[in-house]
Amino acid sequence: MTESLVVAARRRFHAGMIQAGLLTTNEKGVASIADSASASSRDISRLFLTKIGNEALGARLAGQTAGRGFEDFVRTFLAEIFPRLSMVRCGDFEIASGGLISTYDQYAHLTAVERAVQNDADLRVAMGRDYIIRPDVVIYRNPVSDEMLNASESIVEDEFARHTPLRQRNGGDPILHASVSCKWTIRSDRAQNARSEALNLIRNRKGKLPHIAVVTAEPLMSRIASLALGTGDIDCVYHIGLPELGAATSERGSEEAQDLFRMMSDGRRLRDISDLPFDLAV
């Protein structure tokens, strides 16, 4: 039986990170995602890597992957699947690495804010620079020509719909569809950073709110919970291997960790990387 696109892409995603040395263990047997000071983190990470390695066997890799970063693998994974979902999310979408959010229509006004702040010391003190965000991975939508909009019937003309960024004729910037933050592991500062970025995307926008997601390889449930629990900022947290992590936590984790896993996964606050492209197509 032929593997589905998602299964094959997920296997390549894991195999690529193993080949690139991102998912590995050192000479002491400590996994690259583990907190070496935490016995629980070391135990769960070691078992998780074994399960991921078994799952990734036989994956066919395209080209050289050594040296690529976590963000590159997430971007490549999304690029394999998201464009194939055009039957449910049509449009001219592109997937790219970072860049300033002021590049996109909802945040283009921040360029003027930045100019004003640079020329006024009092404003710099009052506003800081937290609004200047560089997402790790983005999906954006290009505006549509009137010829395409009117291809089947006359839908739009000059007089009206002159401010929507969807019309190419209005001269708008690309529309930010999704911001994906890639956190290899989660410590308290990284959790706070991800939440701050999300809140700034929410507060500083003019127009449509993009999807806001976090992808992580963190093995400890308590640390994942610092991002996954609660609502209002991040859409959802996605793990690079949720079933494998769940199995490792069930075997080596505490009862509290197992309860947290069930709470977050059953509560739809923690999902697998394979869910991400589908959720972004909503």
Protein backbone atom coordinates (compact mmCIF):
# COMPACT_ATOMS: atom_id res chain seq x y z
CA MET A 1 0.00 0.00 0.00
CA THR A 2 1.37 3.42 -1.00
CA GLU A 3 2.09 5.80 1.87
CA SER A 4 -0.05 8.90 2.08
CA LEU A 5 1.58 12.29 1.50
CA VAL A 6 1.36 13.18 5.19
CA VAL A 7 2.92 9.93 6.42
CA ALA A 8 5.79 10.15 3.91
CA ALA A 9 6.43 13.86 4.63
CA ARG A 10 6.40 13.24 8.38
CA ARG A 11 8.92 10.40 8.03
CA ARG A 12 11.18 12.60 5.91
CA PHE A 13 10.81 15.42 8.44
CA HIS A 14 12.09 13.20 11.25
CA ALA A 15 14.73 11.41 9.17
CA GLY A 16 16.09 14.73 7.91
CA MET A 17 16.55 16.08 11.43
CA ILE A 18 18.27 12.84 12.46
CA GLN A 19 20.62 13.04 9.47
CA ALA A 20 21.33 16.72 10.13
CA GLY A 21 22.31 15.94 13.72
CA LEU A 22 19.42 17.82 15.30
CA LEU A 23 17.85 14.70 16.78
CA THR A 24 20.78 12.84 18.28
CA THR A 25 22.46 11.79 21.53
CA ASN A 26 25.90 12.75 22.83
CA GLU A 27 28.67 10.47 24.11
CA LYS A 28 26.92 10.29 27.50
CA GLY A 29 23.65 9.17 25.91
CA VAL A 30 21.88 12.49 26.53
CA ALA A 31 19.45 13.43 23.77
CA SER A 32 19.81 16.77 22.00
CA ILE A 33 16.33 17.85 23.13
CA ALA A 34 16.90 16.92 26.78
CA ASP A 35 17.63 19.16 29.72
CA SER A 36 20.74 17.40 31.01
CA ALA A 37 19.98 18.59 34.56
CA SER A 38 16.60 16.82 34.60
CA ALA A 39 16.49 13.02 34.95
CA SER A 40 12.90 12.96 33.69
CA SER A 41 13.83 15.00 30.63
CA ARG A 42 16.79 12.71 29.90
CA ASP A 43 14.73 9.51 30.24
CA ILE A 44 11.75 10.64 28.18
CA SER A 45 13.97 12.21 25.49
CA ARG A 46 16.06 9.07 25.07
CA LEU A 47 12.98 6.89 24.63
CA PHE A 48 11.33 9.48 22.37
CA LEU A 49 14.35 9.52 20.04
CA THR A 50 14.28 5.73 19.84
CA LYS A 51 10.64 5.80 18.78
CA ILE A 52 11.21 8.63 16.29
CA GLY A 53 14.21 6.79 14.84
CA ASN A 54 12.16 3.64 14.35
CA GLU A 55 9.39 5.63 12.70
CA ALA A 56 11.81 7.41 10.35
CA LEU A 57 13.47 4.24 9.01
CA GLY A 58 13.28 3.93 5.25
CA ALA A 59 12.37 7.55 4.61
CA ARG A 60 13.54 8.80 1.23
CA LEU A 61 15.35 12.09 1.62
CA ALA A 62 15.76 14.65 -1.13
CA GLY A 63 19.21 16.22 -1.28
CA GLN A 64 21.59 17.12 1.51
CA THR A 65 20.01 17.98 4.85
CA ALA A 66 23.08 18.30 7.10
CA GLY A 67 23.40 21.73 8.66
CA ARG A 68 19.81 22.78 8.16
CA GLY A 69 18.05 24.33 11.13
CA PHE A 70 14.80 23.40 12.82
CA GLU A 71 12.97 26.31 11.15
CA ASP A 72 14.06 25.04 7.72
CA PHE A 73 12.66 21.59 8.39
CA VAL A 74 9.33 23.01 9.59
CA ARG A 75 9.13 25.27 6.53
CA THR A 76 9.96 22.39 4.18
CA PHE A 77 7.34 20.16 5.84
CA LEU A 78 4.66 22.82 5.42
CA ALA A 79 5.74 23.44 1.81
CA GLU A 80 5.25 19.75 1.03
CA ILE A 81 1.68 19.59 2.28
CA PHE A 82 -0.02 23.00 2.51
CA PRO A 83 -0.03 23.76 -1.25
CA ARG A 84 -1.67 20.37 -1.85
CA LEU A 85 -4.68 21.50 0.20
CA SER A 86 -5.77 24.05 -2.41
CA MET A 87 -9.12 22.29 -2.69
CA VAL A 88 -10.01 23.61 0.76
CA ARG A 89 -7.87 26.78 0.87
CA CYS A 90 -7.54 28.28 -2.60
CA GLY A 91 -5.30 31.22 -3.37
CA ASP A 92 -1.73 32.17 -4.25
CA PHE A 93 0.10 31.33 -1.02
CA GLU A 94 3.83 31.30 -0.36
CA ILE A 95 5.78 29.76 2.52
CA ALA A 96 8.96 31.51 3.60
CA SER A 97 11.41 32.08 6.42
CA GLY A 98 10.86 35.03 8.71
CA GLY A 99 11.26 38.61 7.65
CA LEU A 100 9.78 41.65 9.36
CA ILE A 101 6.01 41.60 9.86
CA SER A 102 5.88 45.13 8.44
CA THR A 103 6.32 43.44 5.04
CA TYR A 104 2.69 42.31 5.23
CA ASP A 105 -0.52 44.26 4.77
CA GLN A 106 -1.85 43.97 8.34
CA TYR A 107 1.40 45.38 9.76
CA ALA A 108 2.63 47.74 7.01
CA HIS A 109 1.81 50.74 9.21
CA LEU A 110 4.59 49.68 11.61
CA THR A 111 7.12 51.02 9.11
CA ALA A 112 5.82 54.53 9.80
CA VAL A 113 5.81 53.82 13.53
CA GLU A 114 9.44 52.72 13.33
CA ARG A 115 10.43 55.91 11.51
CA ALA A 116 8.68 58.03 14.13
CA VAL A 117 10.32 56.14 17.00
CA GLN A 118 13.78 56.47 15.48
CA ASN A 119 13.37 60.25 15.33
CA ASP A 120 11.97 60.71 18.83
CA ALA A 121 13.87 59.60 21.94
CA ASP A 122 10.80 59.91 24.16
CA LEU A 123 8.82 57.60 21.86
CA ARG A 124 11.67 55.08 21.89
CA VAL A 125 11.53 54.98 25.68
CA ALA A 126 7.74 54.77 25.77
CA MET A 127 7.25 52.15 23.04
CA GLY A 128 10.43 50.10 23.06
CA ARG A 129 10.87 47.76 20.09
CA ASP A 130 8.72 44.78 21.05
CA TYR A 131 6.40 45.42 18.11
CA ILE A 132 9.19 44.64 15.61
CA ILE A 133 8.69 40.90 15.11
CA ARG A 134 10.55 38.48 12.83
CA PRO A 135 8.55 35.23 12.72
CA ASP A 136 10.51 32.01 12.13
CA VAL A 137 8.24 30.71 9.36
CA VAL A 138 5.41 32.51 7.59
CA ILE A 139 2.69 31.73 5.11
CA TYR A 140 1.40 34.72 3.18
CA ARG A 141 -1.15 35.27 0.44
CA ASN A 142 -0.51 37.38 -2.62
CA PRO A 143 -3.25 39.79 -3.77
CA VAL A 144 -5.46 38.68 -6.67
CA SER A 145 -5.80 40.40 -10.05
CA ASP A 146 -9.17 41.70 -11.23
CA GLU A 147 -8.84 39.46 -14.27
CA MET A 148 -8.81 36.43 -11.99
CA LEU A 149 -11.65 37.73 -9.84
CA ASN A 150 -13.77 38.40 -12.92
CA ALA A 151 -12.78 35.25 -14.80
CA SER A 152 -16.17 33.52 -14.47
CA GLU A 153 -18.44 36.52 -14.04
CA SER A 154 -18.26 40.25 -13.40
CA ILE A 155 -17.61 40.47 -9.65
CA VAL A 156 -15.70 43.71 -9.13
CA GLU A 157 -15.05 47.02 -10.92
CA ASP A 158 -13.39 50.37 -10.23
CA GLU A 159 -15.84 52.16 -7.96
CA PHE A 160 -16.10 49.85 -4.96
CA ALA A 161 -13.95 47.39 -2.97
CA ARG A 162 -11.06 49.86 -3.24
CA HIS A 163 -9.49 49.21 0.17
CA THR A 164 -9.43 45.44 0.47
CA PRO A 165 -5.88 44.04 0.33
CA LEU A 166 -7.13 41.01 -1.60
CA ARG A 167 -7.38 43.09 -4.81
CA GLN A 168 -4.00 43.46 -6.50
CA ARG A 169 -5.27 46.66 -8.09
CA ASN A 170 -5.45 48.33 -4.67
CA GLY A 171 -1.67 48.08 -4.41
CA GLY A 172 -1.67 46.20 -1.13
CA ASP A 173 1.17 44.20 0.35
CA PRO A 174 1.02 40.42 0.73
CA ILE A 175 -1.41 39.30 3.43
CA LEU A 176 0.10 37.43 6.38
CA HIS A 177 -1.81 34.16 6.69
CA ALA A 178 0.21 32.41 9.40
CA SER A 179 3.12 33.01 11.76
CA VAL A 180 4.83 29.86 13.00
CA SER A 181 7.29 30.12 15.89
CA CYS A 182 9.80 27.26 16.11
CA LYS A 183 11.01 26.50 19.64
CA TRP A 184 13.39 23.53 19.68
CA THR A 185 12.95 23.27 23.44
CA ILE A 186 11.01 25.37 25.92
CA ARG A 187 12.47 27.19 28.89
CA SER A 188 10.63 29.94 30.77
CA ASP A 189 12.21 32.72 28.72
CA ARG A 190 11.34 31.05 25.42
CA ALA A 191 7.76 30.50 26.51
CA GLN A 192 7.44 34.16 27.45
CA ASN A 193 9.02 35.22 24.16
CA ALA A 194 6.52 33.16 22.13
CA ARG A 195 3.57 34.62 24.04
CA SER A 196 4.91 38.18 23.67
CA GLU A 197 5.27 37.73 19.91
CA ALA A 198 1.73 36.37 19.69
CA LEU A 199 0.26 39.26 21.68
CA ASN A 200 2.08 41.79 19.51
CA LEU A 201 0.70 40.16 16.38
CA ILE A 202 -2.77 40.46 17.88
CA ARG A 203 -2.49 44.03 19.19
CA ASN A 204 -0.61 45.67 16.34
CA ARG A 205 -2.55 44.38 13.36
CA LYS A 206 -4.85 46.33 11.07
CA GLY A 207 -7.18 43.78 9.53
CA LYS A 208 -7.19 40.00 9.56
CA LEU A 209 -5.46 38.17 12.39
CA PRO A 210 -3.05 35.53 11.04
CA HIS A 211 -2.83 32.04 12.44
CA ILE A 212 -0.34 31.98 15.34
CA ALA A 213 1.26 28.60 16.03
CA VAL A 214 4.25 27.21 17.91
CA VAL A 215 6.16 24.07 16.91
CA THR A 216 8.44 22.41 19.46
CA ALA A 217 10.46 19.28 20.22
CA GLU A 218 10.35 19.84 24.02
CA PRO A 219 10.01 16.50 25.89
CA LEU A 220 8.62 17.69 29.26
CA MET A 221 4.87 18.13 29.64
CA SER A 222 5.20 20.79 32.33
CA ARG A 223 7.20 23.02 29.99
CA ILE A 224 4.91 22.43 27.03
CA ALA A 225 1.98 23.33 29.31
CA SER A 226 3.51 26.78 29.89
CA LEU A 227 2.62 27.52 26.26
CA ALA A 228 -0.22 25.14 25.45
CA LEU A 229 -2.53 25.81 28.39
CA GLY A 230 -4.73 28.88 28.19
CA THR A 231 -6.25 30.62 25.19
CA GLY A 232 -6.29 34.07 23.65
CA ASP A 233 -2.80 34.37 22.20
CA ILE A 234 -1.37 31.23 20.57
CA ASP A 235 -3.73 29.16 18.43
CA CYS A 236 -2.13 25.87 19.36
CA VAL A 237 1.19 24.17 20.15
CA TYR A 238 2.40 21.45 17.77
CA HIS A 239 4.91 18.77 18.70
CA ILE A 240 7.27 17.17 16.18
CA GLY A 241 6.16 13.72 17.34
CA LEU A 242 3.06 13.76 19.51
CA PRO A 243 2.17 10.03 19.45
CA GLU A 244 5.79 9.10 20.11
CA LEU A 245 6.03 11.64 22.93
CA GLY A 246 2.78 10.37 24.43
CA ALA A 247 4.08 6.80 24.41
CA ALA A 248 7.43 7.85 25.93
CA THR A 249 5.67 9.87 28.63
CA SER A 250 3.37 6.94 29.40
CA GLU A 251 6.39 4.66 29.87
CA ARG A 252 8.81 7.00 31.65
CA GLY A 253 6.89 10.05 32.80
CA SER A 254 5.26 10.76 36.15
CA GLU A 255 1.53 10.44 36.72
CA GLU A 256 1.29 14.24 36.63
CA ALA A 257 3.05 14.33 33.26
CA GLN A 258 0.70 11.70 31.87
CA ASP A 259 -2.31 13.67 33.12
CA LEU A 260 -0.96 16.84 31.51
CA PHE A 261 -0.46 15.04 28.20
CA ARG A 262 -4.06 13.81 28.22
CA MET A 263 -5.37 17.22 29.25
CA MET A 264 -3.54 19.10 26.51
CA SER A 265 -4.08 16.60 23.71
CA ASP A 266 -7.73 15.84 24.58
CA GLY A 267 -8.32 19.57 25.06
CA ARG A 268 -6.92 20.23 21.56
CA ARG A 269 -4.21 22.56 22.84
CA LEU A 270 -1.38 20.19 21.85
CA ARG A 271 -1.31 18.55 18.44
CA ASP A 272 1.07 16.68 16.16
CA ILE A 273 3.12 18.39 13.44
CA SER A 274 1.00 16.51 10.89
CA ASP A 275 -2.06 18.51 12.04
CA LEU A 276 -0.43 21.87 11.36
CA PRO A 277 -0.83 22.23 7.57
CA PHE A 278 -4.48 21.17 7.83
CA ASP A 279 -5.20 23.62 10.63
CA LEU A 280 -3.60 26.41 8.58
CA ALA A 281 -5.90 25.54 5.68
CA VAL A 282 -8.97 26.40 7.78
